[in-house]
C-alpha atoms as a PDB file:
ATOM      1  CA  MET A   1       0.000   0.000   0.000  1.00  0.00           C
ATOM      2  CA  SER A   2       1.388   3.389  -1.005  1.00  0.00           C
ATOM      3  CA  LEU A   3       0.469   6.467   0.986  1.00  0.00           C
ATOM      4  CA  PRO A   4       0.635   9.971  -0.512  1.00  0.00           C
ATOM      5  CA  PRO A   5       3.423  12.127   0.956  1.00  0.00           C
ATOM      6  CA  PHE A   6       0.933  14.734   2.182  1.00  0.00           C
ATOM      7  CA  PRO A   7      -2.735  14.727   3.151  1.00  0.00           C
ATOM      8  CA  ALA A   8      -5.025  15.666   0.234  1.00  0.00           C
ATOM      9  CA  GLU A   9      -5.884  19.025   1.817  1.00  0.00           C
ATOM     10  CA  TYR A  10      -2.231  20.019   2.448  1.00  0.00           C
ATOM     11  CA  ARG A  11      -1.110  23.249   0.760  1.00  0.00           C
ATOM     12  CA  ALA A  12       2.080  25.161   1.427  1.00  0.00           C
ATOM     13  CA  SER A  13       4.657  27.312  -0.309  1.00  0.00           C
ATOM     14  CA  GLY A  14       8.327  28.128  -0.054  1.00  0.00           C
ATOM     15  CA  LEU A  15      11.356  29.493  -1.861  1.00  0.00           C
ATOM     16  CA  LEU A  16      14.387  28.080  -3.634  1.00  0.00           C
ATOM     17  CA  LEU A  17      17.838  29.401  -2.711  1.00  0.00           C
ATOM     18  CA  HIS A  18      21.152  27.573  -2.605  1.00  0.00           C
ATOM     19  CA  VAL A  19      22.983  27.840   0.718  1.00  0.00           C
ATOM     20  CA  THR A  20      26.068  29.301  -1.004  1.00  0.00           C
ATOM     21  CA  SER A  21      23.941  32.317  -2.034  1.00  0.00           C
ATOM     22  CA  LEU A  22      23.400  33.391   1.571  1.00  0.00           C
ATOM     23  CA  PRO A  23      25.486  36.301   2.912  1.00  0.00           C
ATOM     24  CA  SER A  24      28.739  35.342   4.630  1.00  0.00           C
ATOM     25  CA  PRO A  25      32.025  36.988   5.539  1.00  0.00           C
ATOM     26  CA  TYR A  26      33.788  33.931   4.031  1.00  0.00           C
ATOM     27  CA  GLY A  27      32.883  34.371   0.374  1.00  0.00           C
ATOM     28  CA  ILE A  28      30.157  31.715   0.149  1.00  0.00           C
ATOM     29  CA  GLY A  29      27.068  31.233   2.256  1.00  0.00           C
ATOM     30  CA  ASP A  30      26.995  28.376   4.746  1.00  0.00           C
ATOM     31  CA  VAL A  31      24.729  26.678   7.271  1.00  0.00           C
ATOM     32  CA  GLY A  32      25.345  29.182  10.036  1.00  0.00           C
ATOM     33  CA  PRO A  33      23.743  32.303  11.496  1.00  0.00           C
ATOM     34  CA  ALA A  34      22.680  33.626   8.069  1.00  0.00           C
ATOM     35  CA  ALA A  35      20.869  30.347   7.309  1.00  0.00           C
ATOM     36  CA  VAL A  36      19.048  30.489  10.638  1.00  0.00           C
ATOM     37  CA  ALA A  37      18.052  34.120   9.947  1.00  0.00           C
ATOM     38  CA  TRP A  38      16.881  33.089   6.451  1.00  0.00           C
ATOM     39  CA  VAL A  39      14.661  30.329   7.841  1.00  0.00           C
ATOM     40  CA  ASP A  40      13.231  32.751  10.397  1.00  0.00           C
ATOM     41  CA  ARG A  41      12.412  35.251   7.608  1.00  0.00           C
ATOM     42  CA  LEU A  42      10.774  32.534   5.521  1.00  0.00           C
ATOM     43  CA  TYR A  43       8.668  31.462   8.485  1.00  0.00           C
ATOM     44  CA  ASP A  44       7.671  35.053   9.273  1.00  0.00           C
ATOM     45  CA  ALA A  45       6.573  35.423   5.623  1.00  0.00           C
ATOM     46  CA  GLY A  46       4.305  32.388   5.987  1.00  0.00           C
ATOM     47  CA  GLN A  47       6.578  30.052   4.026  1.00  0.00           C
ATOM     48  CA  ARG A  48       6.995  26.455   5.177  1.00  0.00           C
ATOM     49  CA  TRP A  49       9.543  25.105   2.699  1.00  0.00           C
ATOM     50  CA  TRP A  50      13.106  26.036   1.780  1.00  0.00           C
ATOM     51  CA  GLN A  51      14.413  24.143  -1.229  1.00  0.00           C
ATOM     52  CA  ALA A  52      18.129  24.387  -0.619  1.00  0.00           C
ATOM     53  CA  LEU A  53      19.188  22.315  -3.670  1.00  0.00           C
ATOM     54  CA  PRO A  54      22.070  19.798  -3.508  1.00  0.00           C
ATOM     55  CA  LEU A  55      24.445  20.360  -0.592  1.00  0.00           C
ATOM     56  CA  GLY A  56      27.148  17.895  -1.635  1.00  0.00           C
ATOM     57  CA  PRO A  57      30.733  18.582  -2.661  1.00  0.00           C
ATOM     58  CA  THR A  58      30.717  20.423  -5.977  1.00  0.00           C
ATOM     59  CA  GLY A  59      31.242  18.492  -9.179  1.00  0.00           C
ATOM     60  CA  TYR A  60      32.433  19.430 -12.619  1.00  0.00           C
ATOM     61  CA  GLY A  61      32.988  23.149 -13.064  1.00  0.00           C
ATOM     62  CA  ASP A  62      32.515  23.663  -9.303  1.00  0.00           C
ATOM     63  CA  SER A  63      28.762  23.810  -9.803  1.00  0.00           C
ATOM     64  CA  PRO A  64      26.782  23.326  -6.576  1.00  0.00           C
ATOM     65  CA  TYR A  65      23.986  21.978  -8.785  1.00  0.00           C
ATOM     66  CA  GLN A  66      26.016  18.935  -9.898  1.00  0.00           C
ATOM     67  CA  PRO A  67      27.458  17.293  -6.783  1.00  0.00           C
ATOM     68  CA  LEU A  68      29.384  14.101  -7.450  1.00  0.00           C
ATOM     69  CA  PRO A  69      27.911  12.016  -4.585  1.00  0.00           C
ATOM     70  CA  SER A  70      24.170  12.005  -3.981  1.00  0.00           C
ATOM     71  CA  PHE A  71      24.212  11.589  -0.207  1.00  0.00           C
ATOM     72  CA  ALA A  72      27.380  13.401   0.881  1.00  0.00           C
ATOM     73  CA  GLY A  73      27.334  16.772   2.559  1.00  0.00           C
ATOM     74  CA  ASN A  74      29.864  19.494   1.806  1.00  0.00           C
ATOM     75  CA  ALA A  75      31.930  20.243   4.915  1.00  0.00           C
ATOM     76  CA  LEU A  76      32.647  23.728   3.546  1.00  0.00           C
ATOM     77  CA  LEU A  77      29.009  24.564   4.235  1.00  0.00           C
ATOM     78  CA  ILE A  78      29.463  24.115   8.001  1.00  0.00           C
ATOM     79  CA  SER A  79      29.833  27.628   9.297  1.00  0.00           C
ATOM     80  CA  PRO A  80      32.950  28.495  11.299  1.00  0.00           C
ATOM     81  CA  LEU A  81      30.605  30.803  13.222  1.00  0.00           C
ATOM     82  CA  GLY A  82      28.299  27.996  14.304  1.00  0.00           C
ATOM     83  CA  ARG A  83      24.511  28.239  14.260  1.00  0.00           C
ATOM     84  CA  GLY A  84      24.378  31.043  16.775  1.00  0.00           C
ATOM     85  CA  ALA A  85      23.658  28.956  19.876  1.00  0.00           C
ATOM     86  CA  GLY A  86      26.263  26.323  19.043  1.00  0.00           C
ATOM     87  CA  THR A  87      29.611  26.073  17.328  1.00  0.00           C
ATOM     88  CA  SER A  88      30.949  24.281  14.260  1.00  0.00           C
ATOM     89  CA  GLU A  89      32.590  21.840  16.687  1.00  0.00           C
ATOM     90  CA  GLU A  90      29.093  20.911  17.925  1.00  0.00           C
ATOM     91  CA  ALA A  91      27.770  20.610  14.370  1.00  0.00           C
ATOM     92  CA  ALA A  92      30.254  17.941  13.225  1.00  0.00           C
ATOM     93  CA  PRO A  93      29.003  15.150  15.535  1.00  0.00           C
ATOM     94  CA  ALA A  94      25.388  16.010  14.687  1.00  0.00           C
ATOM     95  CA  LEU A  95      26.096  15.838  10.943  1.00  0.00           C
ATOM     96  CA  LEU A  96      27.933  12.530  11.388  1.00  0.00           C
ATOM     97  CA  GLY A  97      24.909  11.138  13.181  1.00  0.00           C
ATOM     98  CA  LEU A  98      22.614  12.269  10.375  1.00  0.00           C
ATOM     99  CA  ALA A  99      24.836  10.761   7.689  1.00  0.00           C
ATOM    100  CA  TRP A 100      25.274   7.448   9.528  1.00  0.00           C
ATOM    101  CA  SER A 101      21.530   7.168  10.224  1.00  0.00           C
ATOM    102  CA  SER A 102      20.522   7.929   6.618  1.00  0.00           C
ATOM    103  CA  ALA A 103      19.096   5.353   4.226  1.00  0.00           C
ATOM    104  CA  ALA A 104      22.171   5.663   1.996  1.00  0.00           C
ATOM    105  CA  ALA A 105      24.121   2.458   1.471  1.00  0.00           C
ATOM    106  CA  LEU A 106      27.403   4.263   2.146  1.00  0.00           C
ATOM    107  CA  ALA A 107      28.268   7.020   4.610  1.00  0.00           C
ATOM    108  CA  ILE A 108      31.636   8.788   4.411  1.00  0.00           C
ATOM    109  CA  ALA A 109      32.765  11.806   6.419  1.00  0.00           C
ATOM    110  CA  PRO A 110      35.858  14.000   6.471  1.00  0.00           C
ATOM    111  CA  LEU A 111      38.330  12.773   9.089  1.00  0.00           C
ATOM    112  CA  GLN A 112      38.476  16.293  10.511  1.00  0.00           C
ATOM    113  CA  ASP A 113      34.776  15.991  11.411  1.00  0.00           C
ATOM    114  CA  VAL A 114      35.201  12.524  12.934  1.00  0.00           C
ATOM    115  CA  LEU A 115      38.014  13.902  15.099  1.00  0.00           C
ATOM    116  CA  ASN A 116      35.942  17.055  15.748  1.00  0.00           C
ATOM    117  CA  LEU A 117      38.919  19.281  15.025  1.00  0.00           C
ATOM    118  CA  GLY A 118      36.986  22.443  14.194  1.00  0.00           C
ATOM    119  CA  LYS A 119      37.568  25.144  11.602  1.00  0.00           C
ATOM    120  CA  GLU A 120      41.355  25.173  11.968  1.00  0.00           C
ATOM    121  CA  ALA A 121      41.478  21.723  10.340  1.00  0.00           C
ATOM    122  CA  ARG A 122      39.634  22.671   7.162  1.00  0.00           C
ATOM    123  CA  MET A 123      41.430  21.725   3.971  1.00  0.00           C
ATOM    124  CA  ASN A 124      40.122  24.884   2.286  1.00  0.00           C
ATOM    125  CA  GLN A 125      38.993  28.193   3.681  1.00  0.00           C
ATOM    126  CA  PRO A 126      35.882  29.484   1.860  1.00  0.00           C
ATOM    127  CA  GLY A 127      36.500  32.774   0.097  1.00  0.00           C
ATOM    128  CA  SER A 128      40.266  32.588   0.505  1.00  0.00           C
ATOM    129  CA  ALA A 129      42.726  32.042  -2.318  1.00  0.00           C
ATOM    130  CA  GLN A 130      45.604  31.707   0.155  1.00  0.00           C
ATOM    131  CA  GLY A 131      46.513  29.077   2.722  1.00  0.00           C
ATOM    132  CA  ASN A 132      44.470  26.220   1.307  1.00  0.00           C
ATOM    133  CA  TRP A 133      45.515  22.541   1.283  1.00  0.00           C
ATOM    134  CA  ARG A 134      48.019  23.005   4.132  1.00  0.00           C
ATOM    135  CA  TRP A 135      46.331  21.045   6.904  1.00  0.00           C
ATOM    136  CA  ARG A 136      48.112  17.821   7.916  1.00  0.00           C
ATOM    137  CA  LEU A 137      47.116  15.032  10.278  1.00  0.00           C
ATOM    138  CA  THR A 138      49.333  14.514  13.336  1.00  0.00           C
ATOM    139  CA  ASP A 139      49.522  11.643  15.810  1.00  0.00           C
ATOM    140  CA  LYS A 140      48.217  13.945  18.566  1.00  0.00           C
ATOM    141  CA  MET A 141      44.943  14.369  16.652  1.00  0.00           C
ATOM    142  CA  LEU A 142      44.197  10.629  16.606  1.00  0.00           C
ATOM    143  CA  SER A 143      42.363  10.359  19.913  1.00  0.00           C
ATOM    144  CA  ALA A 144      41.104   7.000  21.131  1.00  0.00           C
ATOM    145  CA  SER A 145      37.856   8.610  22.311  1.00  0.00           C
ATOM    146  CA  ALA A 146      37.048   9.909  18.808  1.00  0.00           C
ATOM    147  CA  PHE A 147      37.481   6.443  17.330  1.00  0.00           C
ATOM    148  CA  GLN A 148      35.445   4.877  20.132  1.00  0.00           C
ATOM    149  CA  SER A 149      32.637   7.338  19.392  1.00  0.00           C
ATOM    150  CA  LEU A 150      32.879   6.462  15.697  1.00  0.00           C
ATOM    151  CA  ARG A 151      32.776   2.735  16.533  1.00  0.00           C
ATOM    152  CA  ASP A 152      29.701   3.251  18.735  1.00  0.00           C
ATOM    153  CA  LEU A 153      27.938   5.309  16.046  1.00  0.00           C
ATOM    154  CA  THR A 154      28.786   2.733  13.365  1.00  0.00           C
ATOM    155  CA  ARG A 155      27.415  -0.146  15.432  1.00  0.00           C
ATOM    156  CA  ALA A 156      24.302   1.764  16.521  1.00  0.00           C
ATOM    157  CA  SER A 157      23.462   2.559  12.894  1.00  0.00           C
ATOM    158  CA  ALA A 158      24.208  -0.991  11.665  1.00  0.00           C
ATOM    159  CA  ARG A 159      26.947   0.171   9.303  1.00  0.00           C
ATOM    160  CA  THR A 160      29.314  -2.685  10.047  1.00  0.00           C
ATOM    161  CA  GLY A 161      30.187  -3.763   6.494  1.00  0.00           C
ATOM    162  CA  THR A 162      32.218  -6.950   6.312  1.00  0.00           C
ATOM    163  CA  THR A 163      34.857  -5.762   3.839  1.00  0.00           C
ATOM    164  CA  MET A 164      37.317  -2.864   4.058  1.00  0.00           C
ATOM    165  CA  VAL A 165      37.500  -0.988   0.752  1.00  0.00           C
ATOM    166  CA  ALA A 166      39.931   1.792  -0.150  1.00  0.00           C
ATOM    167  CA  ALA A 167      38.721   4.240  -2.794  1.00  0.00           C
ATOM    168  CA  SER A 168      40.611   7.020  -4.467  1.00  0.00           C
END
């Protein structure tokens, strides 16, 4: 039996805007204070939907409309400013939990998010042509507690595949 996604009498409206179009001091919009303010404005205007378009890592030509993976999120869209009440360091574990609990067959996350290293560990700084691709992993960053948390999350979400695969 197939149920319709909404009751027959349901009617709503919303707007389409890619997250990178939001204002930001970093050159591209992100899921931070400006996104929260945007949602508040939509709600105040009686809107109930925000179509944010694909939020994955950009594909060919750096187009946000053609992400290579269907279920991956783009870590560059996590605001270094946090959501207002929280910080980007609090967002990483929440995003990991969402990815691991999704229906996708495969969940992959940046190591920096698994280790909860924060904005200093970004490979690229949005809006900056300088200082990118300089981050390096050190032994001090590999905490046992981070890997225990990852193990617990993996088991709780039944993502215990039987084969280790390396992809490049």
